[in-house]
Amino acid sequence: MYKVLSNSVNQTIDISNKLAKYLKLGDILVLTGNLGSGKTYFTKGIVEKFSNSNIVCSPTFTIVNEYDTTPPIFHFDVYRLQNIEEFLNIGGEEYFQKGISIIEWGEKIKEVLPLQYLEICINKLDNDTRQIEFLPHGQKYENYMEEYFNENFRN
């Protein structure tokens, strides 16, 4: 398990912006954490790395936002889904190979996730501080984390 602390929104965005360097077509990130923990800010850092756009908002009511980046980024919020069938009915699985998928509340759809994905748990410790845990599922994401942490967090 890989952990890092963030002491501000800007630092959370920076942490995810640095992670974006490793992401490629077909990658899947599952963001977990309580309401207000910073999942959408984390997504913002990734989108900003691929685009000049800083317009990132939670797709709570639309289920998915698509960002015009290369590769495309699909930002899901599955919090309001009542069951897994709702995700399947919107063609959710079809997005996985079309771009980079970032899924807030992704633990709700674990049954349909591929075997390999990166789970990112953001835990709110106080008003400003977040503990961000990276849990790689599969060798590809284990390799990403080794490289990411060696380059960014180890002296």
C-alpha atoms as a PDB file:
ATOM      1  CA  MET A   1       0.000   0.000   0.000  1.00  0.00           C
ATOM      2  CA  TYR A   2       1.197   3.499  -0.850  1.00  0.00           C
ATOM      3  CA  LYS A   3       0.194   6.550   1.201  1.00  0.00           C
ATOM      4  CA  VAL A   4       0.739  10.281   0.999  1.00  0.00           C
ATOM      5  CA  LEU A   5      -0.642  13.227   2.966  1.00  0.00           C
ATOM      6  CA  SER A   6      -2.146  16.307   1.370  1.00  0.00           C
ATOM      7  CA  ASN A   7      -2.492  19.487   3.398  1.00  0.00           C
ATOM      8  CA  SER A   8      -4.524  21.517   0.892  1.00  0.00           C
ATOM      9  CA  VAL A   9      -6.748  21.341  -2.160  1.00  0.00           C
ATOM     10  CA  ASN A  10      -3.837  22.572  -4.291  1.00  0.00           C
ATOM     11  CA  GLN A  11      -1.593  19.829  -2.954  1.00  0.00           C
ATOM     12  CA  THR A  12      -4.258  17.184  -3.728  1.00  0.00           C
ATOM     13  CA  ILE A  13      -4.488  18.531  -7.279  1.00  0.00           C
ATOM     14  CA  ASP A  14      -0.695  18.456  -7.575  1.00  0.00           C
ATOM     15  CA  ILE A  15      -0.513  14.835  -6.347  1.00  0.00           C
ATOM     16  CA  SER A  16      -3.032  13.719  -8.955  1.00  0.00           C
ATOM     17  CA  ASN A  17      -1.462  15.887 -11.654  1.00  0.00           C
ATOM     18  CA  LYS A  18       1.823  14.051 -11.138  1.00  0.00           C
ATOM     19  CA  LEU A  19       0.010  10.698 -11.290  1.00  0.00           C
ATOM     20  CA  ALA A  20      -1.509  11.647 -14.652  1.00  0.00           C
ATOM     21  CA  LYS A  21       1.940  11.349 -16.254  1.00  0.00           C
ATOM     22  CA  TYR A  22       1.656   7.549 -15.971  1.00  0.00           C
ATOM     23  CA  LEU A  23      -1.920   7.138 -17.208  1.00  0.00           C
ATOM     24  CA  LYS A  24      -2.760   5.710 -20.609  1.00  0.00           C
ATOM     25  CA  LEU A  25      -5.715   4.678 -22.714  1.00  0.00           C
ATOM     26  CA  GLY A  26      -7.693   1.971 -20.912  1.00  0.00           C
ATOM     27  CA  ASP A  27      -6.557   2.878 -17.394  1.00  0.00           C
ATOM     28  CA  ILE A  28      -9.142   2.804 -14.633  1.00  0.00           C
ATOM     29  CA  LEU A  29      -9.024   4.736 -11.365  1.00  0.00           C
ATOM     30  CA  VAL A  30     -11.536   4.018  -8.615  1.00  0.00           C
ATOM     31  CA  LEU A  31     -11.855   6.889  -6.124  1.00  0.00           C
ATOM     32  CA  THR A  32     -13.280   6.177  -2.694  1.00  0.00           C
ATOM     33  CA  GLY A  33     -13.779   8.378   0.340  1.00  0.00           C
ATOM     34  CA  ASN A  34     -16.441  10.219   2.273  1.00  0.00           C
ATOM     35  CA  LEU A  35     -18.420  13.139   0.872  1.00  0.00           C
ATOM     36  CA  GLY A  36     -16.176  16.177   0.679  1.00  0.00           C
ATOM     37  CA  SER A  37     -12.940  14.208   0.888  1.00  0.00           C
ATOM     38  CA  GLY A  38     -11.575  15.581  -2.393  1.00  0.00           C
ATOM     39  CA  LYS A  39     -12.378  12.995  -5.075  1.00  0.00           C
ATOM     40  CA  THR A  40     -13.415  15.637  -7.607  1.00  0.00           C
ATOM     41  CA  TYR A  41     -10.332  17.777  -6.858  1.00  0.00           C
ATOM     42  CA  PHE A  42      -8.201  14.684  -7.419  1.00  0.00           C
ATOM     43  CA  THR A  43      -9.890  14.228 -10.806  1.00  0.00           C
ATOM     44  CA  LYS A  44      -9.294  17.905 -11.606  1.00  0.00           C
ATOM     45  CA  GLY A  45      -5.530  17.415 -11.294  1.00  0.00           C
ATOM     46  CA  ILE A  46      -5.592  14.560 -13.779  1.00  0.00           C
ATOM     47  CA  VAL A  47      -7.769  16.370 -16.314  1.00  0.00           C
ATOM     48  CA  GLU A  48      -5.582  19.489 -16.092  1.00  0.00           C
ATOM     49  CA  LYS A  49      -2.522  17.415 -17.064  1.00  0.00           C
ATOM     50  CA  PHE A  50      -4.216  16.369 -20.321  1.00  0.00           C
ATOM     51  CA  SER A  51      -5.994  19.644 -21.115  1.00  0.00           C
ATOM     52  CA  ASN A  52      -5.914  23.390 -20.590  1.00  0.00           C
ATOM     53  CA  SER A  53      -9.432  23.102 -19.198  1.00  0.00           C
ATOM     54  CA  ASN A  54      -9.902  23.593 -15.502  1.00  0.00           C
ATOM     55  CA  ILE A  55     -13.638  23.005 -15.696  1.00  0.00           C
ATOM     56  CA  VAL A  56     -14.087  19.779 -13.765  1.00  0.00           C
ATOM     57  CA  CYS A  57     -17.214  19.147 -11.767  1.00  0.00           C
ATOM     58  CA  SER A  58     -18.730  16.087 -10.207  1.00  0.00           C
ATOM     59  CA  PRO A  59     -21.069  14.233 -12.568  1.00  0.00           C
ATOM     60  CA  THR A  60     -23.410  13.396  -9.670  1.00  0.00           C
ATOM     61  CA  PHE A  61     -26.612  13.900 -11.655  1.00  0.00           C
ATOM     62  CA  THR A  62     -25.343  13.019 -15.133  1.00  0.00           C
ATOM     63  CA  ILE A  63     -23.411   9.881 -14.019  1.00  0.00           C
ATOM     64  CA  VAL A  64     -20.548  10.562 -16.467  1.00  0.00           C
ATOM     65  CA  ASN A  65     -18.714  13.619 -17.791  1.00  0.00           C
ATOM     66  CA  GLU A  66     -16.508  13.261 -20.837  1.00  0.00           C
ATOM     67  CA  TYR A  67     -13.485  15.527 -21.154  1.00  0.00           C
ATOM     68  CA  ASP A  68     -12.129  16.303 -24.610  1.00  0.00           C
ATOM     69  CA  THR A  69      -8.571  15.180 -23.943  1.00  0.00           C
ATOM     70  CA  THR A  70      -6.173  12.769 -25.609  1.00  0.00           C
ATOM     71  CA  PRO A  71      -6.914  10.098 -24.585  1.00  0.00           C
ATOM     72  CA  PRO A  72     -10.482  10.978 -23.580  1.00  0.00           C
ATOM     73  CA  ILE A  73     -11.183  11.048 -19.853  1.00  0.00           C
ATOM     74  CA  PHE A  74     -14.478   9.694 -18.576  1.00  0.00           C
ATOM     75  CA  HIS A  75     -15.356  10.928 -15.088  1.00  0.00           C
ATOM     76  CA  PHE A  76     -18.060   8.857 -13.424  1.00  0.00           C
ATOM     77  CA  ASP A  77     -19.930   9.451 -10.186  1.00  0.00           C
ATOM     78  CA  VAL A  78     -21.904   6.305  -9.379  1.00  0.00           C
ATOM     79  CA  TYR A  79     -23.032   7.436  -5.912  1.00  0.00           C
ATOM     80  CA  ARG A  80     -26.692   7.776  -6.906  1.00  0.00           C
ATOM     81  CA  LEU A  81     -26.954   4.480  -8.781  1.00  0.00           C
ATOM     82  CA  GLN A  82     -29.420   2.123  -7.158  1.00  0.00           C
ATOM     83  CA  ASN A  83     -27.844  -1.027  -8.589  1.00  0.00           C
ATOM     84  CA  ILE A  84     -25.167  -2.328 -10.922  1.00  0.00           C
ATOM     85  CA  GLU A  85     -27.657  -2.690 -13.785  1.00  0.00           C
ATOM     86  CA  GLU A  86     -27.977   1.092 -14.016  1.00  0.00           C
ATOM     87  CA  PHE A  87     -24.251   1.312 -14.740  1.00  0.00           C
ATOM     88  CA  LEU A  88     -24.500  -1.449 -17.333  1.00  0.00           C
ATOM     89  CA  ASN A  89     -27.549   0.212 -18.953  1.00  0.00           C
ATOM     90  CA  ILE A  90     -25.596   3.391 -19.691  1.00  0.00           C
ATOM     91  CA  GLY A  91     -22.874   1.271 -21.312  1.00  0.00           C
ATOM     92  CA  GLY A  92     -20.485   1.916 -18.446  1.00  0.00           C
ATOM     93  CA  GLU A  93     -18.195  -1.007 -19.208  1.00  0.00           C
ATOM     94  CA  GLU A  94     -17.809   0.150 -22.813  1.00  0.00           C
ATOM     95  CA  TYR A  95     -16.026   3.308 -21.619  1.00  0.00           C
ATOM     96  CA  PHE A  96     -13.206   1.333 -19.993  1.00  0.00           C
ATOM     97  CA  GLN A  97     -11.271   0.775 -23.240  1.00  0.00           C
ATOM     98  CA  LYS A  98     -12.161   4.092 -24.909  1.00  0.00           C
ATOM     99  CA  GLY A  99     -10.139   6.338 -22.647  1.00  0.00           C
ATOM    100  CA  ILE A 100      -9.108   6.860 -19.034  1.00  0.00           C
ATOM    101  CA  SER A 101     -11.952   6.113 -16.635  1.00  0.00           C
ATOM    102  CA  ILE A 102     -12.100   7.816 -13.243  1.00  0.00           C
ATOM    103  CA  ILE A 103     -14.922   6.460 -11.090  1.00  0.00           C
ATOM    104  CA  GLU A 104     -16.001   8.229  -7.908  1.00  0.00           C
ATOM    105  CA  TRP A 105     -17.696   5.843  -5.455  1.00  0.00           C
ATOM    106  CA  GLY A 106     -16.395   3.005  -7.636  1.00  0.00           C
ATOM    107  CA  GLU A 107     -16.699   0.512  -4.795  1.00  0.00           C
ATOM    108  CA  LYS A 108     -20.405   0.385  -5.705  1.00  0.00           C
ATOM    109  CA  ILE A 109     -19.601  -1.279  -9.046  1.00  0.00           C
ATOM    110  CA  LYS A 110     -16.653  -3.536  -8.130  1.00  0.00           C
ATOM    111  CA  GLU A 111     -18.414  -6.552  -9.657  1.00  0.00           C
ATOM    112  CA  VAL A 112     -18.016  -5.131 -13.174  1.00  0.00           C
ATOM    113  CA  LEU A 113     -14.520  -3.690 -12.853  1.00  0.00           C
ATOM    114  CA  PRO A 114     -11.698  -5.459 -14.699  1.00  0.00           C
ATOM    115  CA  LEU A 115      -9.151  -7.348 -12.605  1.00  0.00           C
ATOM    116  CA  GLN A 116      -6.631  -4.522 -12.974  1.00  0.00           C
ATOM    117  CA  TYR A 117      -7.374  -0.995 -11.745  1.00  0.00           C
ATOM    118  CA  LEU A 118      -5.979   1.550  -9.312  1.00  0.00           C
ATOM    119  CA  GLU A 119      -8.034   2.218  -6.202  1.00  0.00           C
ATOM    120  CA  ILE A 120      -7.427   5.570  -4.551  1.00  0.00           C
ATOM    121  CA  CYS A 121      -8.882   6.072  -1.052  1.00  0.00           C
ATOM    122  CA  ILE A 122      -9.042   9.671   0.109  1.00  0.00           C
ATOM    123  CA  ASN A 123      -9.620   9.993   3.842  1.00  0.00           C
ATOM    124  CA  LYS A 124     -10.418  13.356   5.392  1.00  0.00           C
ATOM    125  CA  LEU A 125      -8.324  13.727   8.564  1.00  0.00           C
ATOM    126  CA  ASP A 126      -9.374  17.322   9.308  1.00  0.00           C
ATOM    127  CA  ASN A 127     -10.587  20.384   7.389  1.00  0.00           C
ATOM    128  CA  ASP A 128      -7.380  20.628   5.359  1.00  0.00           C
ATOM    129  CA  THR A 129      -5.535  17.324   5.655  1.00  0.00           C
ATOM    130  CA  ARG A 130      -6.227  14.243   3.551  1.00  0.00           C
ATOM    131  CA  GLN A 131      -4.557  10.850   3.616  1.00  0.00           C
ATOM    132  CA  ILE A 132      -4.460   9.457   0.100  1.00  0.00           C
ATOM    133  CA  GLU A 133      -3.914   5.704  -0.190  1.00  0.00           C
ATOM    134  CA  PHE A 134      -3.116   4.053  -3.503  1.00  0.00           C
ATOM    135  CA  LEU A 135      -4.143   0.402  -3.742  1.00  0.00           C
ATOM    136  CA  PRO A 136      -2.986  -1.168  -7.008  1.00  0.00           C
ATOM    137  CA  HIS A 137      -5.024  -4.092  -8.320  1.00  0.00           C
ATOM    138  CA  GLY A 138      -2.801  -5.894 -10.813  1.00  0.00           C
ATOM    139  CA  GLN A 139       0.849  -5.766 -11.828  1.00  0.00           C
ATOM    140  CA  LYS A 140       0.425  -2.839 -14.228  1.00  0.00           C
ATOM    141  CA  TYR A 141      -0.761  -0.562 -11.429  1.00  0.00           C
ATOM    142  CA  GLU A 142       1.817  -1.940  -9.004  1.00  0.00           C
ATOM    143  CA  ASN A 143       4.459  -0.867 -11.528  1.00  0.00           C
ATOM    144  CA  TYR A 144       2.838   2.578 -11.872  1.00  0.00           C
ATOM    145  CA  MET A 145       2.920   3.059  -8.106  1.00  0.00           C
ATOM    146  CA  GLU A 146       6.543   1.960  -7.744  1.00  0.00           C
ATOM    147  CA  GLU A 147       7.640   4.431 -10.400  1.00  0.00           C
ATOM    148  CA  TYR A 148       5.315   7.227  -9.216  1.00  0.00           C
ATOM    149  CA  PHE A 149       6.439   7.015  -5.590  1.00  0.00           C
ATOM    150  CA  ASN A 150      10.125   6.611  -6.475  1.00  0.00           C
ATOM    151  CA  GLU A 151      10.015   9.731  -8.647  1.00  0.00           C
ATOM    152  CA  ASN A 152       7.802  11.917  -6.452  1.00  0.00           C
ATOM    153  CA  PHE A 153       7.967  10.929  -2.781  1.00  0.00           C
ATOM    154  CA  ARG A 154      11.249   9.181  -2.015  1.00  0.00           C
ATOM    155  CA  ASN A 155      14.431  11.149  -1.490  1.00  0.00           C
END
